[in-house]
């Protein structure tokens, strides 16, 4: 588990909050993995600054920028964070909001990709995509383009009970639908989870010491 505090960057019209890992618990793990917090903080800073640049940081026509975050999972050596950045530029037709997710292994400080969680050639993308299609129909979401299957670089974050796949506003449905997020229950993915990966650890997988 990570101890996380909030930091802030910028002055009005820029107000961006970001998380900072200050230590790991329990203490014996903090000593064993003492280099991990700084590795994770570097990843966080790179992600937050990248979002700020994409949203107009440094541009003369920036009217407002607000950055927030939410720790969605912090247990068993897994840290997952959802980041959001809202900005408004002068003469812009409407504000812009983007979301990013970051999931790291607190035993290595390594950022995780979606494919890291699943068995090779397991068909996990098809399983996730079919569940997203089911939710799209159930929620009556009007699409602006056909949805077939998620990509290997699909954006996501983790919670206690689900893998959450999300799409930036205006990419899958009209902007009026906002940011589309689809929770995929871990129970639906049980047969395709990589038993050496983080989801197995979260679900109590075999031969994995957790903290």
C-alpha atoms as a PDB file:
ATOM      1  CA  UNK A   1       0.000   0.000   0.000  1.00  0.00           C
ATOM      2  CA  UNK A   2       1.184   3.502  -0.797  1.00  0.00           C
ATOM      3  CA  UNK A   3       0.873   6.627   1.318  1.00  0.00           C
ATOM      4  CA  UNK A   4      -0.308   9.332  -1.095  1.00  0.00           C
ATOM      5  CA  UNK A   5      -0.467  13.089  -0.531  1.00  0.00           C
ATOM      6  CA  UNK A   6      -1.778  15.856  -2.751  1.00  0.00           C
ATOM      7  CA  UNK A   7       0.447  18.374  -4.451  1.00  0.00           C
ATOM      8  CA  UNK A   8      -0.543  21.381  -6.552  1.00  0.00           C
ATOM      9  CA  UNK A   9       0.992  23.221  -9.450  1.00  0.00           C
ATOM     10  CA  UNK A  10       0.202  26.597 -10.948  1.00  0.00           C
ATOM     11  CA  UNK A  11      -1.695  29.700  -9.913  1.00  0.00           C
ATOM     12  CA  UNK A  12      -5.069  30.882 -11.284  1.00  0.00           C
ATOM     13  CA  UNK A  13      -6.084  30.402 -14.020  1.00  0.00           C
ATOM     14  CA  UNK A  14      -4.086  27.150 -13.680  1.00  0.00           C
ATOM     15  CA  UNK A  15      -4.975  24.940 -10.720  1.00  0.00           C
ATOM     16  CA  UNK A  16      -3.765  21.382 -11.114  1.00  0.00           C
ATOM     17  CA  UNK A  17      -3.690  18.864  -8.284  1.00  0.00           C
ATOM     18  CA  UNK A  18      -1.573  15.733  -8.510  1.00  0.00           C
ATOM     19  CA  UNK A  19      -0.767  12.773  -6.236  1.00  0.00           C
ATOM     20  CA  UNK A  20       2.640  12.116  -4.752  1.00  0.00           C
ATOM     21  CA  UNK A  21       3.722   8.823  -3.214  1.00  0.00           C
ATOM     22  CA  UNK A  22       5.658   9.509  -0.024  1.00  0.00           C
ATOM     23  CA  UNK A  23       6.113   5.981   1.363  1.00  0.00           C
ATOM     24  CA  UNK A  24       5.010   2.357   1.247  1.00  0.00           C
ATOM     25  CA  UNK A  25       3.466   0.249   4.001  1.00  0.00           C
ATOM     26  CA  UNK A  26       4.208  -1.928   5.903  1.00  0.00           C
ATOM     27  CA  UNK A  27       7.611  -0.552   6.855  1.00  0.00           C
ATOM     28  CA  UNK A  28       9.593  -3.664   5.904  1.00  0.00           C
ATOM     29  CA  UNK A  29       8.222  -3.386   2.377  1.00  0.00           C
ATOM     30  CA  UNK A  30       9.066   0.324   2.351  1.00  0.00           C
ATOM     31  CA  UNK A  31      12.710  -0.562   2.983  1.00  0.00           C
ATOM     32  CA  UNK A  32      12.716  -3.394   0.442  1.00  0.00           C
ATOM     33  CA  UNK A  33      11.221  -1.251  -2.302  1.00  0.00           C
ATOM     34  CA  UNK A  34      12.617   2.124  -1.225  1.00  0.00           C
ATOM     35  CA  UNK A  35      13.311   3.309  -4.788  1.00  0.00           C
ATOM     36  CA  UNK A  36       9.733   2.717  -5.942  1.00  0.00           C
ATOM     37  CA  UNK A  37       8.062   5.955  -4.727  1.00  0.00           C
ATOM     38  CA  UNK A  38      10.361   8.153  -6.795  1.00  0.00           C
ATOM     39  CA  UNK A  39       9.873   5.950  -9.868  1.00  0.00           C
ATOM     40  CA  UNK A  40       6.115   6.257  -9.496  1.00  0.00           C
ATOM     41  CA  UNK A  41       6.302  10.008  -8.905  1.00  0.00           C
ATOM     42  CA  UNK A  42       8.292  10.444 -12.114  1.00  0.00           C
ATOM     43  CA  UNK A  43       5.557   8.602 -14.025  1.00  0.00           C
ATOM     44  CA  UNK A  44       2.920  10.789 -12.384  1.00  0.00           C
ATOM     45  CA  UNK A  45       4.729  14.032 -13.187  1.00  0.00           C
ATOM     46  CA  UNK A  46       5.255  13.011 -16.803  1.00  0.00           C
ATOM     47  CA  UNK A  47       1.586  12.112 -17.207  1.00  0.00           C
ATOM     48  CA  UNK A  48       0.251  15.275 -15.529  1.00  0.00           C
ATOM     49  CA  UNK A  49       2.577  17.575 -17.458  1.00  0.00           C
ATOM     50  CA  UNK A  50       1.677  15.819 -20.715  1.00  0.00           C
ATOM     51  CA  UNK A  51      -2.006  16.389 -20.021  1.00  0.00           C
ATOM     52  CA  UNK A  52      -1.372  20.052 -19.205  1.00  0.00           C
ATOM     53  CA  UNK A  53       0.525  20.587 -22.435  1.00  0.00           C
ATOM     54  CA  UNK A  54      -2.218  18.899 -24.442  1.00  0.00           C
ATOM     55  CA  UNK A  55      -4.780  21.161 -22.770  1.00  0.00           C
ATOM     56  CA  UNK A  56      -3.028  24.440 -23.539  1.00  0.00           C
ATOM     57  CA  UNK A  57      -0.447  24.924 -20.798  1.00  0.00           C
ATOM     58  CA  UNK A  58       1.906  27.727 -21.864  1.00  0.00           C
ATOM     59  CA  UNK A  59      -0.458  29.145 -24.463  1.00  0.00           C
ATOM     60  CA  UNK A  60      -1.390  32.832 -24.266  1.00  0.00           C
ATOM     61  CA  UNK A  61      -5.062  32.110 -24.947  1.00  0.00           C
ATOM     62  CA  UNK A  62      -5.522  29.790 -21.957  1.00  0.00           C
ATOM     63  CA  UNK A  63      -8.399  31.079 -19.824  1.00  0.00           C
ATOM     64  CA  UNK A  64      -8.694  28.313 -17.249  1.00  0.00           C
ATOM     65  CA  UNK A  65      -7.230  24.921 -16.384  1.00  0.00           C
ATOM     66  CA  UNK A  66      -8.282  22.616 -13.546  1.00  0.00           C
ATOM     67  CA  UNK A  67      -6.634  19.282 -12.886  1.00  0.00           C
ATOM     68  CA  UNK A  68      -7.937  16.675 -10.447  1.00  0.00           C
ATOM     69  CA  UNK A  69      -7.199  13.060  -9.572  1.00  0.00           C
ATOM     70  CA  UNK A  70      -8.780  10.142  -7.748  1.00  0.00           C
ATOM     71  CA  UNK A  71      -6.986   7.118  -6.316  1.00  0.00           C
ATOM     72  CA  UNK A  72      -9.229   4.259  -7.452  1.00  0.00           C
ATOM     73  CA  UNK A  73      -7.188   1.356  -6.039  1.00  0.00           C
ATOM     74  CA  UNK A  74      -4.432   1.212  -3.432  1.00  0.00           C
ATOM     75  CA  UNK A  75      -3.995  -2.289  -2.060  1.00  0.00           C
ATOM     76  CA  UNK A  76      -1.918  -5.470  -2.440  1.00  0.00           C
ATOM     77  CA  UNK A  77       0.950  -3.569  -3.999  1.00  0.00           C
ATOM     78  CA  UNK A  78      -1.202  -2.031  -6.725  1.00  0.00           C
ATOM     79  CA  UNK A  79      -1.809   1.679  -7.185  1.00  0.00           C
ATOM     80  CA  UNK A  80      -4.287   2.909  -9.791  1.00  0.00           C
ATOM     81  CA  UNK A  81      -5.153   6.572 -10.325  1.00  0.00           C
ATOM     82  CA  UNK A  82      -7.670   8.381 -12.519  1.00  0.00           C
ATOM     83  CA  UNK A  83      -6.549  11.848 -13.688  1.00  0.00           C
ATOM     84  CA  UNK A  84      -8.796  14.513 -15.205  1.00  0.00           C
ATOM     85  CA  UNK A  85      -7.910  17.854 -16.784  1.00  0.00           C
ATOM     86  CA  UNK A  86     -10.401  20.551 -17.778  1.00  0.00           C
ATOM     87  CA  UNK A  87      -9.356  23.594 -19.788  1.00  0.00           C
ATOM     88  CA  UNK A  88     -10.872  26.501 -21.650  1.00  0.00           C
ATOM     89  CA  UNK A  89      -9.078  28.436 -24.356  1.00  0.00           C
ATOM     90  CA  UNK A  90     -10.079  31.859 -25.653  1.00  0.00           C
ATOM     91  CA  UNK A  91     -12.262  31.621 -28.793  1.00  0.00           C
ATOM     92  CA  UNK A  92     -12.670  27.871 -28.189  1.00  0.00           C
ATOM     93  CA  UNK A  93     -16.153  26.601 -29.068  1.00  0.00           C
ATOM     94  CA  UNK A  94     -16.421  24.573 -25.867  1.00  0.00           C
ATOM     95  CA  UNK A  95     -14.231  23.507 -22.938  1.00  0.00           C
ATOM     96  CA  UNK A  96     -12.035  20.452 -23.250  1.00  0.00           C
ATOM     97  CA  UNK A  97     -11.790  17.635 -20.729  1.00  0.00           C
ATOM     98  CA  UNK A  98      -9.403  14.691 -20.962  1.00  0.00           C
ATOM     99  CA  UNK A  99      -8.938  11.712 -18.672  1.00  0.00           C
ATOM    100  CA  UNK A 100      -5.933   9.450 -18.183  1.00  0.00           C
ATOM    101  CA  UNK A 101      -5.334   6.393 -16.072  1.00  0.00           C
ATOM    102  CA  UNK A 102      -2.121   5.201 -14.445  1.00  0.00           C
ATOM    103  CA  UNK A 103      -1.703   1.801 -12.815  1.00  0.00           C
ATOM    104  CA  UNK A 104       1.625   0.785 -11.285  1.00  0.00           C
ATOM    105  CA  UNK A 105       3.110  -2.229  -9.557  1.00  0.00           C
ATOM    106  CA  UNK A 106       4.404  -0.951  -6.215  1.00  0.00           C
ATOM    107  CA  UNK A 107       6.966  -3.755  -6.087  1.00  0.00           C
ATOM    108  CA  UNK A 108       8.711  -2.482  -9.213  1.00  0.00           C
ATOM    109  CA  UNK A 109       7.414   1.025  -9.887  1.00  0.00           C
ATOM    110  CA  UNK A 110       6.504  -0.122 -13.400  1.00  0.00           C
ATOM    111  CA  UNK A 111       3.472   1.227 -15.224  1.00  0.00           C
ATOM    112  CA  UNK A 112       1.086  -1.462 -16.421  1.00  0.00           C
ATOM    113  CA  UNK A 113      -0.418  -1.920 -19.858  1.00  0.00           C
ATOM    114  CA  UNK A 114      -3.729  -3.679 -20.393  1.00  0.00           C
ATOM    115  CA  UNK A 115      -2.031  -6.694 -21.960  1.00  0.00           C
ATOM    116  CA  UNK A 116       0.077  -7.220 -18.812  1.00  0.00           C
ATOM    117  CA  UNK A 117      -3.005  -8.463 -16.956  1.00  0.00           C
ATOM    118  CA  UNK A 118      -3.982 -11.290 -19.280  1.00  0.00           C
ATOM    119  CA  UNK A 119      -2.786 -14.577 -20.731  1.00  0.00           C
ATOM    120  CA  UNK A 120      -1.276 -14.408 -24.204  1.00  0.00           C
ATOM    121  CA  UNK A 121      -3.778 -15.303 -26.950  1.00  0.00           C
ATOM    122  CA  UNK A 122      -6.555 -15.553 -24.353  1.00  0.00           C
ATOM    123  CA  UNK A 123      -9.098 -13.508 -26.266  1.00  0.00           C
ATOM    124  CA  UNK A 124      -9.413 -10.955 -23.465  1.00  0.00           C
ATOM    125  CA  UNK A 125      -9.996  -8.088 -25.879  1.00  0.00           C
ATOM    126  CA  UNK A 126     -13.021  -9.869 -27.341  1.00  0.00           C
ATOM    127  CA  UNK A 127     -14.477 -10.575 -23.890  1.00  0.00           C
ATOM    128  CA  UNK A 128     -14.056  -6.945 -22.808  1.00  0.00           C
ATOM    129  CA  UNK A 129     -15.382  -5.614 -26.113  1.00  0.00           C
ATOM    130  CA  UNK A 130     -18.512  -7.764 -25.974  1.00  0.00           C
ATOM    131  CA  UNK A 131     -19.245  -6.499 -22.452  1.00  0.00           C
ATOM    132  CA  UNK A 132     -18.781  -2.905 -23.623  1.00  0.00           C
ATOM    133  CA  UNK A 133     -21.214  -3.535 -26.494  1.00  0.00           C
ATOM    134  CA  UNK A 134     -23.720  -4.964 -24.005  1.00  0.00           C
ATOM    135  CA  UNK A 135     -23.413  -1.887 -21.793  1.00  0.00           C
ATOM    136  CA  UNK A 136     -23.702   0.484 -24.757  1.00  0.00           C
ATOM    137  CA  UNK A 137     -27.009  -1.159 -25.710  1.00  0.00           C
ATOM    138  CA  UNK A 138     -28.282  -1.330 -22.120  1.00  0.00           C
ATOM    139  CA  UNK A 139     -27.496   2.340 -21.502  1.00  0.00           C
ATOM    140  CA  UNK A 140     -28.900   3.485 -24.834  1.00  0.00           C
ATOM    141  CA  UNK A 141     -25.681   5.254 -25.823  1.00  0.00           C
ATOM    142  CA  UNK A 142     -25.813   6.831 -29.272  1.00  0.00           C
ATOM    143  CA  UNK A 143     -22.547   6.203 -31.093  1.00  0.00           C
ATOM    144  CA  UNK A 144     -20.922   8.456 -33.677  1.00  0.00           C
ATOM    145  CA  UNK A 145     -18.971   5.509 -35.099  1.00  0.00           C
ATOM    146  CA  UNK A 146     -19.207   1.747 -34.948  1.00  0.00           C
ATOM    147  CA  UNK A 147     -17.484   0.103 -32.007  1.00  0.00           C
ATOM    148  CA  UNK A 148     -15.909  -3.247 -32.813  1.00  0.00           C
ATOM    149  CA  UNK A 149     -13.102  -4.008 -30.404  1.00  0.00           C
ATOM    150  CA  UNK A 150     -10.755  -2.291 -27.953  1.00  0.00           C
ATOM    151  CA  UNK A 151      -7.133  -1.720 -28.914  1.00  0.00           C
ATOM    152  CA  UNK A 152      -4.024  -2.999 -27.140  1.00  0.00           C
ATOM    153  CA  UNK A 153      -3.341   0.555 -25.945  1.00  0.00           C
ATOM    154  CA  UNK A 154      -6.854   1.064 -24.608  1.00  0.00           C
ATOM    155  CA  UNK A 155      -7.026   3.478 -21.659  1.00  0.00           C
ATOM    156  CA  UNK A 156      -8.162   2.101 -18.298  1.00  0.00           C
ATOM    157  CA  UNK A 157      -7.882   2.176 -14.525  1.00  0.00           C
ATOM    158  CA  UNK A 158      -8.603  -0.371 -11.785  1.00  0.00           C
ATOM    159  CA  UNK A 159     -10.994  -0.457  -8.844  1.00  0.00           C
ATOM    160  CA  UNK A 160     -11.626  -3.060  -6.153  1.00  0.00           C
ATOM    161  CA  UNK A 161     -14.199  -4.854  -8.266  1.00  0.00           C
ATOM    162  CA  UNK A 162     -13.642  -3.950 -11.887  1.00  0.00           C
ATOM    163  CA  UNK A 163     -11.351  -2.997 -14.705  1.00  0.00           C
ATOM    164  CA  UNK A 164     -12.711   0.304 -16.009  1.00  0.00           C
ATOM    165  CA  UNK A 165     -12.293   0.975 -19.726  1.00  0.00           C
ATOM    166  CA  UNK A 166     -12.864   4.579 -20.776  1.00  0.00           C
ATOM    167  CA  UNK A 167     -13.069   6.629 -23.948  1.00  0.00           C
ATOM    168  CA  UNK A 168     -12.329  10.332 -24.324  1.00  0.00           C
ATOM    169  CA  UNK A 169     -15.352  12.570 -24.796  1.00  0.00           C
ATOM    170  CA  UNK A 170     -16.483  12.953 -28.381  1.00  0.00           C
ATOM    171  CA  UNK A 171     -14.576   9.901 -29.632  1.00  0.00           C
ATOM    172  CA  UNK A 172     -17.179   7.143 -29.288  1.00  0.00           C
ATOM    173  CA  UNK A 173     -20.372   9.146 -28.735  1.00  0.00           C
ATOM    174  CA  UNK A 174     -21.411  12.814 -29.048  1.00  0.00           C
ATOM    175  CA  UNK A 175     -19.884  15.148 -26.454  1.00  0.00           C
ATOM    176  CA  UNK A 176     -23.211  15.405 -24.670  1.00  0.00           C
ATOM    177  CA  UNK A 177     -22.504  11.900 -23.316  1.00  0.00           C
ATOM    178  CA  UNK A 178     -19.296  13.131 -21.699  1.00  0.00           C
ATOM    179  CA  UNK A 179     -16.538  10.703 -20.769  1.00  0.00           C
ATOM    180  CA  UNK A 180     -17.729   7.153 -21.367  1.00  0.00           C
ATOM    181  CA  UNK A 181     -16.574   4.627 -18.764  1.00  0.00           C
ATOM    182  CA  UNK A 182     -17.334   0.907 -18.758  1.00  0.00           C
ATOM    183  CA  UNK A 183     -16.640  -1.178 -15.640  1.00  0.00           C
ATOM    184  CA  UNK A 184     -15.699  -4.766 -16.540  1.00  0.00           C
ATOM    185  CA  UNK A 185     -16.177  -7.026 -13.482  1.00  0.00           C
ATOM    186  CA  UNK A 186     -13.159  -9.148 -12.616  1.00  0.00           C
ATOM    187  CA  UNK A 187     -15.481 -12.146 -12.380  1.00  0.00           C
ATOM    188  CA  UNK A 188     -16.066 -11.832 -16.123  1.00  0.00           C
ATOM    189  CA  UNK A 189     -12.308 -12.008 -16.746  1.00  0.00           C
ATOM    190  CA  UNK A 190     -11.422 -14.851 -14.380  1.00  0.00           C
ATOM    191  CA  UNK A 191     -10.541 -17.372 -17.097  1.00  0.00           C
ATOM    192  CA  UNK A 192      -8.170 -15.081 -19.005  1.00  0.00           C
ATOM    193  CA  UNK A 193      -6.237 -13.400 -16.178  1.00  0.00           C
ATOM    194  CA  UNK A 194      -2.461 -13.854 -16.217  1.00  0.00           C
ATOM    195  CA  UNK A 195      -1.714 -15.688 -12.958  1.00  0.00           C
ATOM    196  CA  UNK A 196       1.616 -13.850 -12.662  1.00  0.00           C
ATOM    197  CA  UNK A 197       0.062 -10.418 -13.175  1.00  0.00           C
ATOM    198  CA  UNK A 198      -1.493  -7.784 -10.948  1.00  0.00           C
ATOM    199  CA  UNK A 199      -5.101  -8.839 -11.376  1.00  0.00           C
ATOM    200  CA  UNK A 200      -4.228 -12.304 -10.056  1.00  0.00           C
ATOM    201  CA  UNK A 201      -2.578 -10.636  -7.069  1.00  0.00           C
ATOM    202  CA  UNK A 202      -5.665  -8.527  -6.504  1.00  0.00           C
ATOM    203  CA  UNK A 203      -7.886 -11.593  -6.713  1.00  0.00           C
ATOM    204  CA  UNK A 204      -5.634 -13.672  -4.459  1.00  0.00           C
ATOM    205  CA  UNK A 205      -3.735 -15.459  -7.205  1.00  0.00           C
ATOM    206  CA  UNK A 206      -1.358 -18.340  -6.512  1.00  0.00           C
ATOM    207  CA  UNK A 207       2.230 -18.094  -5.268  1.00  0.00           C
ATOM    208  CA  UNK A 208       2.187 -14.319  -4.974  1.00  0.00           C
ATOM    209  CA  UNK A 209       3.113 -12.540  -1.772  1.00  0.00           C
ATOM    210  CA  UNK A 210       1.010  -9.436  -1.354  1.00  0.00           C
ATOM    211  CA  UNK A 211       1.108  -6.379   0.896  1.00  0.00           C
END
